[in-house]
Amino acid sequence: MSNFAVIDLGTNTFHLLIARPNKEGGFDEIYRERRFIKLAENGIQNIGDAAFKRGLKAMNDYAKIIEAHQVRATKAIGTAALRTASNGADFTDQVKADCQIEIELISGDEEARLIHHGVIQAVPFAGARQLIMDIGGGSVEFIIANKECVFWSRSFPIGVAVLFNQFHKNDPISLEEQLSINSFLQAQLGPLAAALSSFPVKNLIGASGTFDVLENLLESKEKGKFYAKMDEKYFHPFFKATLTSTLAERLNIDGIPPARAEMLIVALILIDYIISLADIQDIVVSAFAMKEGILKEMMK
């Protein structure tokens, strides 16, 4: 069996996944790594020098890991930060020169399609429509879908790095900043509100980032191999308790990765807004997202 590699170059995080197909039509994971690069630590319009170097170091290391695993095919995908940053092309050119890895920049719509393709491998849908939400640093993808069909999808430039850099200036976050974020989300997410009126849902499937934190810290009422389901009522006490915390306090909470602690508050405000907007009853955390969707297509 051949090994395949996927690199997901997100705004905050770079992921490497190496796997091989199995007889059941899925894949067996060979190697997985995540590095917090924070390309947008100085804003999403330009990759700062330190972040540029961290990203290049990660890609050079990934290239060596891929070579050691005798990978047959590699696909590297760039998303919001590399699409937006004025020096994004400089980064992709340098990676190609250093690592002989070509980075493909994809649109938010293509990102949403691949996220759906990944999530349906992990989460049982039982025929009902679901709202899939993938929180990135630069953008957030929303997909209203069942297992077979995508009814509506869209990418919005409201990722946690965007929200944090634009609004979260005080520690702990001020009430005025919270209100400003909610006003911003209301202005940005009108198309999502309209779509939810046409295609109502009851479940929110969260892929990536902050949803992993929720799985670590909230009680699950159902667990599968690649997903966990929790009642919406578990979210709000955690949200209210965490909202007024300082960064130092969050860094001392077991289950919150240090690299997630800084932007966790704006991410929770975003999730809370979506729960209210869609009248969500259950939150499902998917272990699979875009990179698993890419992997599935590569193995066809």
Protein backbone atom coordinates (compact mmCIF):
# COMPACT_ATOMS: atom_id res chain seq x y z
CA MET A 1 0.00 0.00 0.00
CA SER A 2 1.23 3.50 -0.90
CA ASN A 3 1.54 6.35 1.56
CA PHE A 4 -0.07 9.73 0.84
CA ALA A 5 0.65 13.07 2.53
CA VAL A 6 -1.51 16.16 3.03
CA ILE A 7 -0.22 19.48 4.37
CA ASP A 8 -2.84 22.02 5.47
CA LEU A 9 -1.24 25.46 5.80
CA GLY A 10 -3.77 27.31 7.94
CA THR A 11 -3.57 30.86 9.23
CA ASN A 12 -2.74 29.74 12.77
CA THR A 13 -1.76 26.11 12.34
CA PHE A 14 0.13 23.92 9.87
CA HIS A 15 -0.92 20.26 9.78
CA LEU A 16 0.80 17.25 8.26
CA LEU A 17 -1.11 13.99 7.79
CA ILE A 18 0.42 10.87 6.25
CA ALA A 19 -1.81 7.85 5.68
CA ARG A 20 -2.38 4.82 3.48
CA PRO A 21 -5.67 3.38 2.15
CA ASN A 22 -7.17 0.37 3.90
CA LYS A 23 -9.38 -2.49 2.73
CA GLU A 24 -12.51 -0.91 4.26
CA GLY A 25 -12.34 2.06 1.90
CA GLY A 26 -10.95 4.43 4.52
CA PHE A 27 -7.37 5.07 5.53
CA ASP A 28 -4.91 4.12 8.23
CA GLU A 29 -3.03 7.01 9.78
CA ILE A 30 0.76 6.70 9.64
CA TYR A 31 1.86 10.09 10.95
CA ARG A 32 0.13 13.26 12.15
CA GLU A 33 1.64 16.53 13.37
CA ARG A 34 0.32 19.99 14.16
CA ARG A 35 2.41 23.15 14.59
CA PHE A 36 1.13 26.54 15.72
CA ILE A 37 2.72 28.94 13.23
CA LYS A 38 0.42 32.00 13.62
CA LEU A 39 1.03 33.48 10.19
CA ALA A 40 -1.35 36.34 11.02
CA GLU A 41 0.12 37.34 14.38
CA ASN A 42 0.79 40.82 12.91
CA GLY A 43 -2.46 40.89 10.93
CA ILE A 44 -3.70 38.89 7.97
CA GLN A 45 -2.51 41.38 5.34
CA ASN A 46 1.18 40.51 5.75
CA ILE A 47 3.18 37.58 7.12
CA GLY A 48 5.69 38.95 9.63
CA ASP A 49 9.36 37.95 9.53
CA ALA A 50 9.18 35.66 12.59
CA ALA A 51 6.05 33.88 11.34
CA PHE A 52 7.57 33.57 7.85
CA LYS A 53 10.62 31.82 9.36
CA ARG A 54 8.47 29.54 11.55
CA GLY A 55 6.42 28.53 8.52
CA LEU A 56 9.51 27.79 6.42
CA LYS A 57 11.06 25.76 9.25
CA ALA A 58 7.88 23.68 9.55
CA MET A 59 7.72 23.04 5.80
CA ASN A 60 11.38 22.01 5.64
CA ASP A 61 10.82 19.62 8.55
CA TYR A 62 7.66 18.25 6.95
CA ALA A 63 9.53 17.64 3.67
CA LYS A 64 12.08 15.49 5.53
CA ILE A 65 9.33 13.54 7.32
CA ILE A 66 7.52 12.94 4.03
CA GLU A 67 10.73 11.67 2.41
CA ALA A 68 11.41 9.35 5.35
CA HIS A 69 7.92 7.81 4.98
CA GLN A 70 8.39 7.10 1.26
CA VAL A 71 5.25 9.03 0.31
CA ARG A 72 3.83 8.38 -3.16
CA ALA A 73 1.99 11.72 -3.52
CA THR A 74 1.88 14.95 -1.50
CA LYS A 75 -0.73 17.70 -1.60
CA ALA A 76 -0.11 21.02 0.16
CA ILE A 77 -3.04 23.43 0.51
CA GLY A 78 -2.89 27.10 1.47
CA THR A 79 -5.95 28.88 2.85
CA ALA A 80 -6.96 32.35 4.11
CA ALA A 81 -3.63 33.83 5.24
CA LEU A 82 -1.73 32.79 2.15
CA ARG A 83 -4.62 33.96 -0.06
CA THR A 84 -4.69 37.37 1.63
CA ALA A 85 -1.14 38.26 2.70
CA SER A 86 0.77 40.61 0.41
CA ASN A 87 3.81 38.35 0.71
CA GLY A 88 1.92 35.06 0.49
CA ALA A 89 3.40 34.38 -2.95
CA ASP A 90 6.89 34.99 -1.55
CA PHE A 91 6.24 32.27 1.02
CA THR A 92 4.91 29.74 -1.48
CA ASP A 93 7.83 30.45 -3.84
CA GLN A 94 10.36 29.97 -1.04
CA VAL A 95 8.75 26.67 0.01
CA LYS A 96 8.92 25.43 -3.59
CA ALA A 97 12.59 26.41 -3.84
CA ASP A 98 13.57 24.93 -0.46
CA CYS A 99 11.35 21.84 -0.29
CA GLN A 100 10.22 21.13 -3.85
CA ILE A 101 6.65 21.26 -2.53
CA GLU A 102 4.09 23.18 -4.60
CA ILE A 103 1.46 24.89 -2.43
CA GLU A 104 -1.98 25.13 -4.01
CA LEU A 105 -4.04 28.13 -2.87
CA ILE A 106 -7.72 27.25 -2.76
CA SER A 107 -10.83 29.40 -2.47
CA GLY A 108 -13.04 29.48 0.59
CA ASP A 109 -15.76 27.66 -1.37
CA GLU A 110 -13.37 24.83 -2.25
CA GLU A 111 -12.26 24.73 1.36
CA ALA A 112 -15.89 24.29 2.43
CA ARG A 113 -16.41 21.45 -0.07
CA LEU A 114 -13.35 19.59 1.20
CA ILE A 115 -14.35 20.11 4.85
CA HIS A 116 -17.73 18.47 4.13
CA HIS A 117 -15.93 15.61 2.38
CA GLY A 118 -13.78 15.11 5.48
CA VAL A 119 -16.53 15.45 8.10
CA ILE A 120 -18.85 12.87 6.51
CA GLN A 121 -16.11 10.27 7.03
CA ALA A 122 -16.13 10.90 10.79
CA VAL A 123 -19.67 11.87 11.86
CA PRO A 124 -22.92 9.87 11.43
CA PHE A 125 -25.52 12.17 9.84
CA ALA A 126 -28.65 9.97 10.09
CA GLY A 127 -30.23 11.78 7.14
CA ALA A 128 -30.77 15.12 8.90
CA ARG A 129 -29.30 18.45 7.81
CA GLN A 130 -26.41 19.70 9.91
CA LEU A 131 -24.51 22.98 10.16
CA ILE A 132 -20.78 22.31 9.77
CA MET A 133 -18.45 25.03 11.06
CA ASP A 134 -14.70 25.09 10.60
CA ILE A 135 -13.00 27.86 12.57
CA GLY A 136 -9.69 28.98 11.10
CA GLY A 137 -7.44 31.88 11.90
CA GLY A 138 -8.33 33.90 8.80
CA SER A 139 -11.70 32.54 7.76
CA VAL A 140 -14.61 30.46 8.99
CA GLU A 141 -16.39 28.02 6.70
CA PHE A 142 -20.06 27.17 7.13
CA ILE A 143 -21.72 24.27 5.32
CA ILE A 144 -25.38 23.26 5.61
CA ALA A 145 -25.49 19.65 4.46
CA ASN A 146 -26.53 16.09 5.00
CA LYS A 147 -24.29 13.18 4.11
CA GLU A 148 -25.18 13.16 0.42
CA CYS A 149 -25.87 16.80 -0.39
CA VAL A 150 -24.54 20.28 0.36
CA PHE A 151 -27.50 22.69 0.46
CA TRP A 152 -25.48 25.85 1.07
CA SER A 153 -21.89 26.76 1.91
CA ARG A 154 -19.83 29.89 2.30
CA SER A 155 -16.51 31.10 3.68
CA PHE A 156 -16.41 34.32 5.73
CA PRO A 157 -13.25 36.35 6.60
CA ILE A 158 -14.02 36.26 10.34
CA GLY A 159 -11.38 33.82 11.64
CA VAL A 160 -10.12 34.00 15.20
CA ALA A 161 -6.93 35.85 14.25
CA VAL A 162 -9.07 38.47 12.49
CA LEU A 163 -11.43 38.83 15.47
CA PHE A 164 -8.59 38.87 17.99
CA ASN A 165 -6.47 41.46 16.17
CA GLN A 166 -9.44 43.69 15.46
CA PHE A 167 -11.33 43.57 18.75
CA HIS A 168 -9.61 41.87 21.70
CA LYS A 169 -7.36 44.56 23.21
CA ASN A 170 -8.05 44.21 26.96
CA ASP A 171 -7.28 41.35 29.33
CA PRO A 172 -9.81 40.17 30.30
CA ILE A 173 -11.94 41.16 27.32
CA SER A 174 -14.19 44.15 28.01
CA LEU A 175 -17.96 44.22 27.63
CA GLU A 176 -17.60 46.84 24.89
CA GLU A 177 -15.29 44.51 22.95
CA GLN A 178 -17.74 41.63 23.32
CA LEU A 179 -20.57 43.80 21.99
CA SER A 180 -18.40 45.01 19.11
CA ILE A 181 -17.63 41.43 18.09
CA ASN A 182 -21.32 40.49 18.14
CA SER A 183 -22.22 43.56 16.07
CA PHE A 184 -19.48 42.68 13.58
CA LEU A 185 -20.70 39.08 13.32
CA GLN A 186 -24.29 40.24 12.80
CA ALA A 187 -23.14 42.48 9.93
CA GLN A 188 -20.96 39.80 8.36
CA LEU A 189 -23.19 36.76 8.74
CA GLY A 190 -26.43 37.98 7.18
CA PRO A 191 -26.14 35.40 4.36
CA LEU A 192 -25.79 32.60 6.93
CA ALA A 193 -28.89 33.80 8.79
CA ALA A 194 -30.84 33.79 5.50
CA ALA A 195 -29.59 30.29 4.64
CA LEU A 196 -30.60 28.97 8.05
CA SER A 197 -34.11 30.33 7.49
CA SER A 198 -34.33 28.27 4.29
CA PHE A 199 -32.49 25.23 5.68
CA PRO A 200 -33.01 25.06 9.46
CA VAL A 201 -30.76 22.75 11.48
CA LYS A 202 -30.55 21.53 15.07
CA ASN A 203 -26.99 20.20 15.23
CA LEU A 204 -23.70 22.07 14.93
CA ILE A 205 -20.71 20.02 13.76
CA GLY A 206 -17.46 21.70 14.69
CA ALA A 207 -14.25 20.85 12.89
CA SER A 208 -10.80 22.00 13.97
CA GLY A 209 -9.41 24.46 16.46
CA THR A 210 -11.60 25.55 19.33
CA PHE A 211 -13.94 22.58 19.03
CA ASP A 212 -11.07 20.31 20.10
CA VAL A 213 -10.89 22.38 23.30
CA LEU A 214 -14.62 21.92 23.89
CA GLU A 215 -14.24 18.17 23.51
CA ASN A 216 -11.46 18.22 26.12
CA LEU A 217 -13.45 20.25 28.65
CA LEU A 218 -17.15 19.48 28.18
CA GLU A 219 -19.03 16.32 29.08
CA SER A 220 -19.94 14.18 26.06
CA LYS A 221 -23.27 12.37 25.84
CA GLU A 222 -22.16 10.22 22.91
CA LYS A 223 -18.71 9.27 21.65
CA GLY A 224 -17.66 7.56 18.45
CA LYS A 225 -14.26 6.70 17.06
CA PHE A 226 -13.92 10.03 15.26
CA TYR A 227 -16.54 12.27 16.88
CA ALA A 228 -18.04 13.36 20.18
CA LYS A 229 -21.53 14.77 20.78
CA MET A 230 -22.47 17.07 23.65
CA ASP A 231 -25.66 18.85 24.67
CA GLU A 232 -25.70 22.61 24.00
CA LYS A 233 -26.51 23.16 27.70
CA TYR A 234 -22.95 22.11 28.59
CA PHE A 235 -21.50 24.92 26.50
CA HIS A 236 -23.01 27.97 28.19
CA PRO A 237 -21.71 27.46 31.76
CA PHE A 238 -18.21 26.94 30.34
CA PHE A 239 -18.58 29.96 28.07
CA LYS A 240 -19.75 32.26 30.89
CA ALA A 241 -17.04 31.06 33.27
CA THR A 242 -14.28 31.45 30.68
CA LEU A 243 -15.43 34.76 29.17
CA THR A 244 -14.10 36.87 32.06
CA SER A 245 -10.82 34.96 32.43
CA THR A 246 -7.42 36.46 31.82
CA LEU A 247 -4.88 34.90 29.49
CA ALA A 248 -2.80 33.86 32.52
CA GLU A 249 -5.81 32.07 34.01
CA ARG A 250 -6.57 30.24 30.76
CA LEU A 251 -2.96 29.12 30.49
CA ASN A 252 -3.45 27.32 33.81
CA ILE A 253 -6.57 25.40 32.74
CA ASP A 254 -5.86 21.76 31.89
CA GLY A 255 -7.29 20.93 28.49
CA ILE A 256 -6.62 24.33 26.90
CA PRO A 257 -3.47 24.09 24.74
CA PRO A 258 -1.24 27.12 25.43
CA ALA A 259 -1.28 28.07 21.75
CA ARG A 260 -5.11 28.20 21.79
CA ALA A 261 -5.46 30.18 25.02
CA GLU A 262 -4.92 33.67 23.58
CA MET A 263 -7.65 33.53 20.92
CA LEU A 264 -10.02 31.21 22.77
CA ILE A 265 -12.33 33.98 23.99
CA VAL A 266 -13.12 35.41 20.54
CA ALA A 267 -13.66 31.84 19.28
CA LEU A 268 -16.14 31.12 22.08
CA ILE A 269 -18.01 34.37 21.38
CA LEU A 270 -18.26 33.27 17.74
CA ILE A 271 -19.56 29.81 18.66
CA ASP A 272 -22.05 31.31 21.11
CA TYR A 273 -23.31 33.63 18.38
CA ILE A 274 -23.85 30.70 15.99
CA ILE A 275 -25.60 28.59 18.65
CA SER A 276 -28.08 31.44 19.22
CA LEU A 277 -28.49 32.22 15.53
CA ALA A 278 -29.28 28.63 14.54
CA ASP A 279 -31.00 27.57 17.79
CA ILE A 280 -28.55 24.69 18.12
CA GLN A 281 -29.42 21.79 20.45
CA ASP A 282 -26.39 19.51 20.08
CA ILE A 283 -22.72 20.21 19.33
CA VAL A 284 -20.75 17.48 17.57
CA VAL A 285 -16.96 17.66 17.39
CA SER A 286 -15.49 16.02 14.29
CA ALA A 287 -11.96 14.65 14.34
CA PHE A 288 -11.82 15.04 10.55
CA ALA A 289 -11.91 18.21 8.49
CA MET A 290 -10.35 19.49 5.27
CA LYS A 291 -7.15 17.45 5.22
CA GLU A 292 -9.06 14.18 5.58
CA GLY A 293 -11.33 15.29 2.74
CA ILE A 294 -8.28 15.94 0.56
CA LEU A 295 -6.77 12.59 1.53
CA LYS A 296 -9.92 10.71 0.55
CA GLU A 297 -9.88 12.31 -2.90
CA MET A 298 -6.18 11.60 -3.38
CA MET A 299 -6.74 7.92 -2.67
CA LYS A 300 -9.51 7.44 -5.23
